[in-house]
Amino acid sequence: MSIVVTTEPRITSIEVDANQITAQLSDGRMISVPLVWSWRLSEATPEQRRHFEIMGSGQGVHWPEIDEDISVRGMLYGIPAPRPRVPA
């Protein structure tokens, strides 16, 4: 018999308010990043922010209405979403 134990952090729930994105992790930690790290979420309506799907076994979160993805690694390692470049 084999039991697979993962040490990778997993998101179990997420909350987005006017200032931050907060994730509850499966190991009991709670992490948050500034909302401005996601320009799509910061420009979204509160209703759009509430409509999300946890991806896979918690590796990230997807907001289908605004086509935004945030990974648990991105939150932990401080990797904000870049804005697209506007051609000059």
PDB file of N, CA and C in Angstrom:
ATOM      1  N   MET A   1       0.846  -1.176   0.000  1.00  0.00           N
ATOM      2  CA  MET A   1       0.000   0.000   0.000  1.00  0.00           C
ATOM      3  C   MET A   1       0.888   1.235   0.000  1.00  0.00           C
ATOM      4  N   SER A   2       0.496   2.209  -0.794  1.00  0.00           N
ATOM      5  CA  SER A   2       1.268   3.432  -0.910  1.00  0.00           C
ATOM      6  C   SER A   2       0.369   4.621  -0.592  1.00  0.00           C
ATOM      7  N   ILE A   3       0.884   5.503   0.228  1.00  0.00           N
ATOM      8  CA  ILE A   3       0.149   6.721   0.563  1.00  0.00           C
ATOM      9  C   ILE A   3       0.960   7.895   0.038  1.00  0.00           C
ATOM     10  N   VAL A   4       0.325   8.718  -0.776  1.00  0.00           N
ATOM     11  CA  VAL A   4       0.990   9.883  -1.331  1.00  0.00           C
ATOM     12  C   VAL A   4       0.684  11.074  -0.441  1.00  0.00           C
ATOM     13  N   VAL A   5       1.729  11.694   0.049  1.00  0.00           N
ATOM     14  CA  VAL A   5       1.582  12.889   0.876  1.00  0.00           C
ATOM     15  C   VAL A   5       2.228  14.037   0.122  1.00  0.00           C
ATOM     16  N   THR A   6       1.491  15.090  -0.059  1.00  0.00           N
ATOM     17  CA  THR A   6       2.045  16.235  -0.758  1.00  0.00           C
ATOM     18  C   THR A   6       2.450  17.309   0.231  1.00  0.00           C
ATOM     19  N   THR A   7       3.576  17.925  -0.061  1.00  0.00           N
ATOM     20  CA  THR A   7       4.024  19.035   0.766  1.00  0.00           C
ATOM     21  C   THR A   7       3.776  20.359   0.049  1.00  0.00           C
ATOM     22  N   GLU A   8       3.193  20.276  -1.132  1.00  0.00           N
ATOM     23  CA  GLU A   8       2.879  21.481  -1.887  1.00  0.00           C
ATOM     24  C   GLU A   8       1.706  22.210  -1.244  1.00  0.00           C
ATOM     25  N   PRO A   9       1.796  23.531  -1.140  1.00  0.00           N
ATOM     26  CA  PRO A   9       0.659  24.274  -0.589  1.00  0.00           C
ATOM     27  C   PRO A   9      -0.540  24.198  -1.517  1.00  0.00           C
ATOM     28  N   ARG A  10      -1.731  24.131  -0.945  1.00  0.00           N
ATOM     29  CA  ARG A  10      -2.975  24.038  -1.705  1.00  0.00           C
ATOM     30  C   ARG A  10      -3.984  25.046  -1.164  1.00  0.00           C
ATOM     31  N   ILE A  11      -4.672  25.716  -2.082  1.00  0.00           N
ATOM     32  CA  ILE A  11      -5.711  26.671  -1.699  1.00  0.00           C
ATOM     33  C   ILE A  11      -7.014  25.912  -1.455  1.00  0.00           C
ATOM     34  N   THR A  12      -7.630  26.167  -0.303  1.00  0.00           N
ATOM     35  CA  THR A  12      -8.925  25.550  -0.014  1.00  0.00           C
ATOM     36  C   THR A  12     -10.075  26.554  -0.152  1.00  0.00           C
ATOM     37  N   SER A  13      -9.776  27.836   0.030  1.00  0.00           N
ATOM     38  CA  SER A  13     -10.787  28.877  -0.180  1.00  0.00           C
ATOM     39  C   SER A  13     -10.080  30.189  -0.478  1.00  0.00           C
ATOM     40  N   ILE A  14     -10.825  31.088  -1.073  1.00  0.00           N
ATOM     41  CA  ILE A  14     -10.264  32.392  -1.459  1.00  0.00           C
ATOM     42  C   ILE A  14     -11.307  33.468  -1.197  1.00  0.00           C
ATOM     43  N   GLU A  15     -10.840  34.643  -0.857  1.00  0.00           N
ATOM     44  CA  GLU A  15     -11.726  35.787  -0.645  1.00  0.00           C
ATOM     45  C   GLU A  15     -11.045  37.013  -1.231  1.00  0.00           C
ATOM     46  N   VAL A  16     -11.805  37.805  -1.962  1.00  0.00           N
ATOM     47  CA  VAL A  16     -11.284  39.031  -2.564  1.00  0.00           C
ATOM     48  C   VAL A  16     -12.131  40.187  -2.080  1.00  0.00           C
ATOM     49  N   ASP A  17     -11.488  41.192  -1.494  1.00  0.00           N
ATOM     50  CA  ASP A  17     -12.226  42.391  -1.101  1.00  0.00           C
ATOM     51  C   ASP A  17     -11.637  43.587  -1.844  1.00  0.00           C
ATOM     52  N   ALA A  18     -11.970  44.774  -1.431  1.00  0.00           N
ATOM     53  CA  ALA A  18     -11.539  45.979  -2.134  1.00  0.00           C
ATOM     54  C   ALA A  18     -10.040  46.239  -2.025  1.00  0.00           C
ATOM     55  N   ASN A  19      -9.348  45.528  -1.131  1.00  0.00           N
ATOM     56  CA  ASN A  19      -7.935  45.792  -0.914  1.00  0.00           C
ATOM     57  C   ASN A  19      -7.003  44.606  -1.087  1.00  0.00           C
ATOM     58  N   GLN A  20      -7.516  43.389  -0.879  1.00  0.00           N
ATOM     59  CA  GLN A  20      -6.602  42.252  -0.905  1.00  0.00           C
ATOM     60  C   GLN A  20      -7.262  40.967  -1.374  1.00  0.00           C
ATOM     61  N   ILE A  21      -6.389  40.024  -1.736  1.00  0.00           N
ATOM     62  CA  ILE A  21      -6.775  38.667  -2.108  1.00  0.00           C
ATOM     63  C   ILE A  21      -6.261  37.779  -0.989  1.00  0.00           C
ATOM     64  N   THR A  22      -7.137  37.046  -0.326  1.00  0.00           N
ATOM     65  CA  THR A  22      -6.759  36.223   0.814  1.00  0.00           C
ATOM     66  C   THR A  22      -7.099  34.768   0.522  1.00  0.00           C
ATOM     67  N   ALA A  23      -6.109  33.899   0.716  1.00  0.00           N
ATOM     68  CA  ALA A  23      -6.308  32.475   0.476  1.00  0.00           C
ATOM     69  C   ALA A  23      -6.085  31.693   1.763  1.00  0.00           C
ATOM     70  N   GLN A  24      -6.970  30.746   2.003  1.00  0.00           N
ATOM     71  CA  GLN A  24      -6.801  29.788   3.097  1.00  0.00           C
ATOM     72  C   GLN A  24      -6.127  28.564   2.487  1.00  0.00           C
ATOM     73  N   LEU A  25      -5.041  28.097   3.104  1.00  0.00           N
ATOM     74  CA  LEU A  25      -4.317  26.944   2.595  1.00  0.00           C
ATOM     75  C   LEU A  25      -4.671  25.687   3.377  1.00  0.00           C
ATOM     76  N   SER A  26      -4.472  24.552   2.745  1.00  0.00           N
ATOM     77  CA  SER A  26      -4.846  23.273   3.353  1.00  0.00           C
ATOM     78  C   SER A  26      -4.052  22.963   4.621  1.00  0.00           C
ATOM     79  N   ASP A  27      -2.875  23.585   4.786  1.00  0.00           N
ATOM     80  CA  ASP A  27      -2.080  23.333   5.985  1.00  0.00           C
ATOM     81  C   ASP A  27      -2.418  24.283   7.130  1.00  0.00           C
ATOM     82  N   GLY A  28      -3.469  25.098   6.953  1.00  0.00           N
ATOM     83  CA  GLY A  28      -3.916  25.997   8.011  1.00  0.00           C
ATOM     84  C   GLY A  28      -3.430  27.424   7.868  1.00  0.00           C
ATOM     85  N   ARG A  29      -2.451  27.665   6.993  1.00  0.00           N
ATOM     86  CA  ARG A  29      -1.974  29.039   6.800  1.00  0.00           C
ATOM     87  C   ARG A  29      -2.994  29.855   6.022  1.00  0.00           C
ATOM     88  N   MET A  30      -2.957  31.163   6.259  1.00  0.00           N
ATOM     89  CA  MET A  30      -3.743  32.112   5.505  1.00  0.00           C
ATOM     90  C   MET A  30      -2.751  33.112   4.933  1.00  0.00           C
ATOM     91  N   ILE A  31      -2.807  33.332   3.621  1.00  0.00           N
ATOM     92  CA  ILE A  31      -1.903  34.288   2.993  1.00  0.00           C
ATOM     93  C   ILE A  31      -2.717  35.314   2.228  1.00  0.00           C
ATOM     94  N   SER A  32      -2.166  36.506   2.106  1.00  0.00           N
ATOM     95  CA  SER A  32      -2.866  37.532   1.339  1.00  0.00           C
ATOM     96  C   SER A  32      -1.856  38.369   0.575  1.00  0.00           C
ATOM     97  N   VAL A  33      -2.327  38.917  -0.526  1.00  0.00           N
ATOM     98  CA  VAL A  33      -1.533  39.821  -1.353  1.00  0.00           C
ATOM     99  C   VAL A  33      -2.418  41.016  -1.693  1.00  0.00           C
ATOM    100  N   PRO A  34      -1.796  42.143  -2.028  1.00  0.00           N
ATOM    101  CA  PRO A  34      -2.605  43.314  -2.395  1.00  0.00           C
ATOM    102  C   PRO A  34      -3.435  43.044  -3.647  1.00  0.00           C
ATOM    103  N   LEU A  35      -4.636  43.575  -3.688  1.00  0.00           N
ATOM    104  CA  LEU A  35      -5.512  43.402  -4.833  1.00  0.00           C
ATOM    105  C   LEU A  35      -4.864  43.937  -6.113  1.00  0.00           C
ATOM    106  N   VAL A  36      -4.085  44.985  -6.008  1.00  0.00           N
ATOM    107  CA  VAL A  36      -3.461  45.580  -7.200  1.00  0.00           C
ATOM    108  C   VAL A  36      -2.471  44.635  -7.876  1.00  0.00           C
ATOM    109  N   TRP A  37      -2.104  43.538  -7.223  1.00  0.00           N
ATOM    110  CA  TRP A  37      -1.238  42.546  -7.874  1.00  0.00           C
ATOM    111  C   TRP A  37      -1.942  41.920  -9.060  1.00  0.00           C
ATOM    112  N   SER A  38      -3.241  41.958  -9.091  1.00  0.00           N
ATOM    113  CA  SER A  38      -4.009  41.444 -10.221  1.00  0.00           C
ATOM    114  C   SER A  38      -4.795  42.603 -10.826  1.00  0.00           C
ATOM    115  N   TRP A  39      -4.299  43.141 -11.912  1.00  0.00           N
ATOM    116  CA  TRP A  39      -4.995  44.277 -12.517  1.00  0.00           C
ATOM    117  C   TRP A  39      -6.389  43.875 -12.990  1.00  0.00           C
ATOM    118  N   ARG A  40      -6.567  42.620 -13.406  1.00  0.00           N
ATOM    119  CA  ARG A  40      -7.894  42.189 -13.840  1.00  0.00           C
ATOM    120  C   ARG A  40      -8.873  42.161 -12.665  1.00  0.00           C
ATOM    121  N   LEU A  41      -8.426  41.621 -11.536  1.00  0.00           N
ATOM    122  CA  LEU A  41      -9.306  41.591 -10.359  1.00  0.00           C
ATOM    123  C   LEU A  41      -9.555  42.990  -9.815  1.00  0.00           C
ATOM    124  N   SER A  42      -8.551  43.846  -9.854  1.00  0.00           N
ATOM    125  CA  SER A  42      -8.743  45.193  -9.316  1.00  0.00           C
ATOM    126  C   SER A  42      -9.699  46.007 -10.174  1.00  0.00           C
ATOM    127  N   GLU A  43      -9.827  45.657 -11.465  1.00  0.00           N
ATOM    128  CA  GLU A  43     -10.759  46.347 -12.347  1.00  0.00           C
ATOM    129  C   GLU A  43     -12.112  45.635 -12.446  1.00  0.00           C
ATOM    130  N   ALA A  44     -12.233  44.454 -11.842  1.00  0.00           N
ATOM    131  CA  ALA A  44     -13.473  43.670 -11.904  1.00  0.00           C
ATOM    132  C   ALA A  44     -14.508  44.191 -10.911  1.00  0.00           C
ATOM    133  N   THR A  45     -15.745  43.833 -11.166  1.00  0.00           N
ATOM    134  CA  THR A  45     -16.811  44.178 -10.233  1.00  0.00           C
ATOM    135  C   THR A  45     -16.761  43.222  -9.041  1.00  0.00           C
ATOM    136  N   PRO A  46     -17.344  43.608  -7.913  1.00  0.00           N
ATOM    137  CA  PRO A  46     -17.405  42.687  -6.769  1.00  0.00           C
ATOM    138  C   PRO A  46     -18.061  41.354  -7.134  1.00  0.00           C
ATOM    139  N   GLU A  47     -19.088  41.388  -7.980  1.00  0.00           N
ATOM    140  CA  GLU A  47     -19.748  40.151  -8.399  1.00  0.00           C
ATOM    141  C   GLU A  47     -18.790  39.258  -9.196  1.00  0.00           C
ATOM    142  N   GLN A  48     -18.017  39.844 -10.101  1.00  0.00           N
ATOM    143  CA  GLN A  48     -17.042  39.065 -10.871  1.00  0.00           C
ATOM    144  C   GLN A  48     -15.967  38.470  -9.963  1.00  0.00           C
ATOM    145  N   ARG A  49     -15.581  39.203  -8.941  1.00  0.00           N
ATOM    146  CA  ARG A  49     -14.558  38.714  -7.997  1.00  0.00           C
ATOM    147  C   ARG A  49     -15.061  37.517  -7.201  1.00  0.00           C
ATOM    148  N   ARG A  50     -16.361  37.453  -6.955  1.00  0.00           N
ATOM    149  CA  ARG A  50     -16.932  36.346  -6.180  1.00  0.00           C
ATOM    150  C   ARG A  50     -17.107  35.072  -6.992  1.00  0.00           C
ATOM    151  N   HIS A  51     -17.054  35.177  -8.324  1.00  0.00           N
ATOM    152  CA  HIS A  51     -17.258  34.006  -9.191  1.00  0.00           C
ATOM    153  C   HIS A  51     -15.894  33.431  -9.583  1.00  0.00           C
ATOM    154  N   PHE A  52     -15.446  32.417  -8.855  1.00  0.00           N
ATOM    155  CA  PHE A  52     -14.138  31.808  -9.100  1.00  0.00           C
ATOM    156  C   PHE A  52     -14.244  30.298  -9.017  1.00  0.00           C
ATOM    157  N   GLU A  53     -13.194  29.624  -9.496  1.00  0.00           N
ATOM    158  CA  GLU A  53     -13.089  28.174  -9.428  1.00  0.00           C
ATOM    159  C   GLU A  53     -11.696  27.836  -8.910  1.00  0.00           C
ATOM    160  N   ILE A  54     -11.618  26.971  -7.918  1.00  0.00           N
ATOM    161  CA  ILE A  54     -10.318  26.491  -7.458  1.00  0.00           C
ATOM    162  C   ILE A  54      -9.841  25.454  -8.468  1.00  0.00           C
ATOM    163  N   MET A  55      -8.627  25.622  -8.968  1.00  0.00           N
ATOM    164  CA  MET A  55      -8.100  24.760 -10.022  1.00  0.00           C
ATOM    165  C   MET A  55      -7.428  23.515  -9.443  1.00  0.00           C
ATOM    166  N   GLY A  56      -7.669  22.390 -10.107  1.00  0.00           N
ATOM    167  CA  GLY A  56      -7.049  21.129  -9.718  1.00  0.00           C
ATOM    168  C   GLY A  56      -7.316  20.802  -8.265  1.00  0.00           C
ATOM    169  N   SER A  57      -6.254  20.480  -7.555  1.00  0.00           N
ATOM    170  CA  SER A  57      -6.394  20.167  -6.132  1.00  0.00           C
ATOM    171  C   SER A  57      -6.007  21.357  -5.263  1.00  0.00           C
ATOM    172  N   GLY A  58      -6.101  22.563  -5.837  1.00  0.00           N
ATOM    173  CA  GLY A  58      -5.826  23.772  -5.075  1.00  0.00           C
ATOM    174  C   GLY A  58      -4.567  24.499  -5.481  1.00  0.00           C
ATOM    175  N   GLN A  59      -4.014  24.180  -6.659  1.00  0.00           N
ATOM    176  CA  GLN A  59      -2.792  24.842  -7.112  1.00  0.00           C
ATOM    177  C   GLN A  59      -3.016  26.313  -7.445  1.00  0.00           C
ATOM    178  N   GLY A  60      -4.252  26.677  -7.718  1.00  0.00           N
ATOM    179  CA  GLY A  60      -4.549  28.053  -8.073  1.00  0.00           C
ATOM    180  C   GLY A  60      -6.034  28.307  -8.134  1.00  0.00           C
ATOM    181  N   VAL A  61      -6.364  29.509  -8.573  1.00  0.00           N
ATOM    182  CA  VAL A  61      -7.754  29.938  -8.665  1.00  0.00           C
ATOM    183  C   VAL A  61      -7.958  30.587 -10.029  1.00  0.00           C
ATOM    184  N   HIS A  62      -9.134  30.338 -10.617  1.00  0.00           N
ATOM    185  CA  HIS A  62      -9.475  30.901 -11.923  1.00  0.00           C
ATOM    186  C   HIS A  62     -10.776  31.681 -11.806  1.00  0.00           C
ATOM    187  N   TRP A  63     -10.779  32.886 -12.377  1.00  0.00           N
ATOM    188  CA  TRP A  63     -11.976  33.721 -12.464  1.00  0.00           C
ATOM    189  C   TRP A  63     -12.389  33.725 -13.930  1.00  0.00           C
ATOM    190  N   PRO A  64     -13.390  32.900 -14.315  1.00  0.00           N
ATOM    191  CA  PRO A  64     -13.731  32.743 -15.729  1.00  0.00           C
ATOM    192  C   PRO A  64     -14.278  33.995 -16.411  1.00  0.00           C
ATOM    193  N   GLU A  65     -15.003  34.822 -15.698  1.00  0.00           N
ATOM    194  CA  GLU A  65     -15.599  36.003 -16.327  1.00  0.00           C
ATOM    195  C   GLU A  65     -14.562  37.035 -16.750  1.00  0.00           C
ATOM    196  N   ILE A  66     -13.411  37.047 -16.076  1.00  0.00           N
ATOM    197  CA  ILE A  66     -12.380  38.031 -16.412  1.00  0.00           C
ATOM    198  C   ILE A  66     -11.097  37.358 -16.901  1.00  0.00           C
ATOM    199  N   ASP A  67     -11.121  36.033 -17.050  1.00  0.00           N
ATOM    200  CA  ASP A  67      -9.992  35.250 -17.545  1.00  0.00           C
ATOM    201  C   ASP A  67      -8.715  35.520 -16.738  1.00  0.00           C
ATOM    202  N   GLU A  68      -8.827  35.403 -15.429  1.00  0.00           N
ATOM    203  CA  GLU A  68      -7.677  35.617 -14.537  1.00  0.00           C
ATOM    204  C   GLU A  68      -7.361  34.329 -13.788  1.00  0.00           C
ATOM    205  N   ASP A  69      -6.088  34.038 -13.659  1.00  0.00           N
ATOM    206  CA  ASP A  69      -5.602  32.895 -12.889  1.00  0.00           C
ATOM    207  C   ASP A  69      -4.558  33.390 -11.905  1.00  0.00           C
ATOM    208  N   ILE A  70      -4.631  32.887 -10.682  1.00  0.00           N
ATOM    209  CA  ILE A  70      -3.611  33.178  -9.674  1.00  0.00           C
ATOM    210  C   ILE A  70      -3.210  31.856  -9.050  1.00  0.00           C
ATOM    211  N   SER A  71      -1.907  31.621  -8.996  1.00  0.00           N
ATOM    212  CA  SER A  71      -1.421  30.379  -8.413  1.00  0.00           C
ATOM    213  C   SER A  71      -1.026  30.603  -6.958  1.00  0.00           C
ATOM    214  N   VAL A  72      -1.062  29.535  -6.183  1.00  0.00           N
ATOM    215  CA  VAL A  72      -0.620  29.619  -4.803  1.00  0.00           C
ATOM    216  C   VAL A  72       0.867  29.970  -4.767  1.00  0.00           C
ATOM    217  N   ARG A  73       1.641  29.439  -5.692  1.00  0.00           N
ATOM    218  CA  ARG A  73       3.078  29.778  -5.754  1.00  0.00           C
ATOM    219  C   ARG A  73       3.288  31.258  -6.028  1.00  0.00           C
ATOM    220  N   GLY A  74       2.492  31.807  -6.943  1.00  0.00           N
ATOM    221  CA  GLY A  74       2.605  33.235  -7.239  1.00  0.00           C
ATOM    222  C   GLY A  74       2.332  34.090  -6.016  1.00  0.00           C
ATOM    223  N   MET A  75       1.340  33.678  -5.234  1.00  0.00           N
ATOM    224  CA  MET A  75       1.034  34.418  -4.004  1.00  0.00           C
ATOM    225  C   MET A  75       2.158  34.265  -2.989  1.00  0.00           C
ATOM    226  N   LEU A  76       2.676  33.057  -2.839  1.00  0.00           N
ATOM    227  CA  LEU A  76       3.723  32.821  -1.847  1.00  0.00           C
ATOM    228  C   LEU A  76       5.052  33.474  -2.210  1.00  0.00           C
ATOM    229  N   TYR A  77       5.374  33.473  -3.501  1.00  0.00           N
ATOM    230  CA  TYR A  77       6.670  33.994  -3.934  1.00  0.00           C
ATOM    231  C   TYR A  77       6.622  35.438  -4.395  1.00  0.00           C
ATOM    232  N   GLY A  78       5.466  36.065  -4.322  1.00  0.00           N
ATOM    233  CA  GLY A  78       5.367  37.490  -4.642  1.00  0.00           C
ATOM    234  C   GLY A  78       5.492  37.794  -6.115  1.00  0.00           C
ATOM    235  N   ILE A  79       4.685  37.123  -6.931  1.00  0.00           N
ATOM    236  CA  ILE A  79       4.743  37.331  -8.378  1.00  0.00           C
ATOM    237  C   ILE A  79       3.432  37.966  -8.836  1.00  0.00           C
ATOM    238  N   PRO A  80       3.379  39.302  -8.933  1.00  0.00           N
ATOM    239  CA  PRO A  80       2.147  39.945  -9.389  1.00  0.00           C
ATOM    240  C   PRO A  80       1.921  39.721 -10.880  1.00  0.00           C
ATOM    241  N   ALA A  81       0.666  39.837 -11.311  1.00  0.00           N
ATOM    242  CA  ALA A  81       0.317  39.675 -12.723  1.00  0.00           C
ATOM    243  C   ALA A  81       0.762  40.907 -13.503  1.00  0.00           C
ATOM    244  N   PRO A  82       1.524  40.709 -14.579  1.00  0.00           N
ATOM    245  CA  PRO A  82       1.943  41.869 -15.379  1.00  0.00           C
ATOM    246  C   PRO A  82       0.806  42.375 -16.256  1.00  0.00           C
ATOM    247  N   ARG A  83       0.770  43.678 -16.441  1.00  0.00           N
ATOM    248  CA  ARG A  83      -0.201  44.259 -17.375  1.00  0.00           C
ATOM    249  C   ARG A  83       0.315  44.030 -18.790  1.00  0.00           C
ATOM    250  N   PRO A  84      -0.597  43.834 -19.735  1.00  0.00           N
ATOM    251  CA  PRO A  84      -0.131  43.693 -21.125  1.00  0.00           C
ATOM    252  C   PRO A  84       0.500  44.983 -21.612  1.00  0.00           C
ATOM    253  N   ARG A  85       1.487  44.828 -22.458  1.00  0.00           N
ATOM    254  CA  ARG A  85       2.137  46.016 -23.015  1.00  0.00           C
ATOM    255  C   ARG A  85       1.272  46.612 -24.108  1.00  0.00           C
ATOM    256  N   VAL A  86       1.221  47.931 -24.127  1.00  0.00           N
ATOM    257  CA  VAL A  86       0.491  48.646 -25.156  1.00  0.00           C
ATOM    258  C   VAL A  86       1.499  49.053 -26.219  1.00  0.00           C
ATOM    259  N   PRO A  87       1.268  48.658 -27.475  1.00  0.00           N
ATOM    260  CA  PRO A  87       2.228  49.039 -28.536  1.00  0.00           C
ATOM    261  C   PRO A  87       2.341  50.547 -28.658  1.00  0.00           C
ATOM    262  N   ALA A  88       3.556  50.998 -28.859  1.00  0.00           N
ATOM    263  CA  ALA A  88       3.802  52.447 -28.970  1.00  0.00           C
ATOM    264  C   ALA A  88       3.537  52.944 -30.366  1.00  0.00           C
TER     265      ALA A  88
END
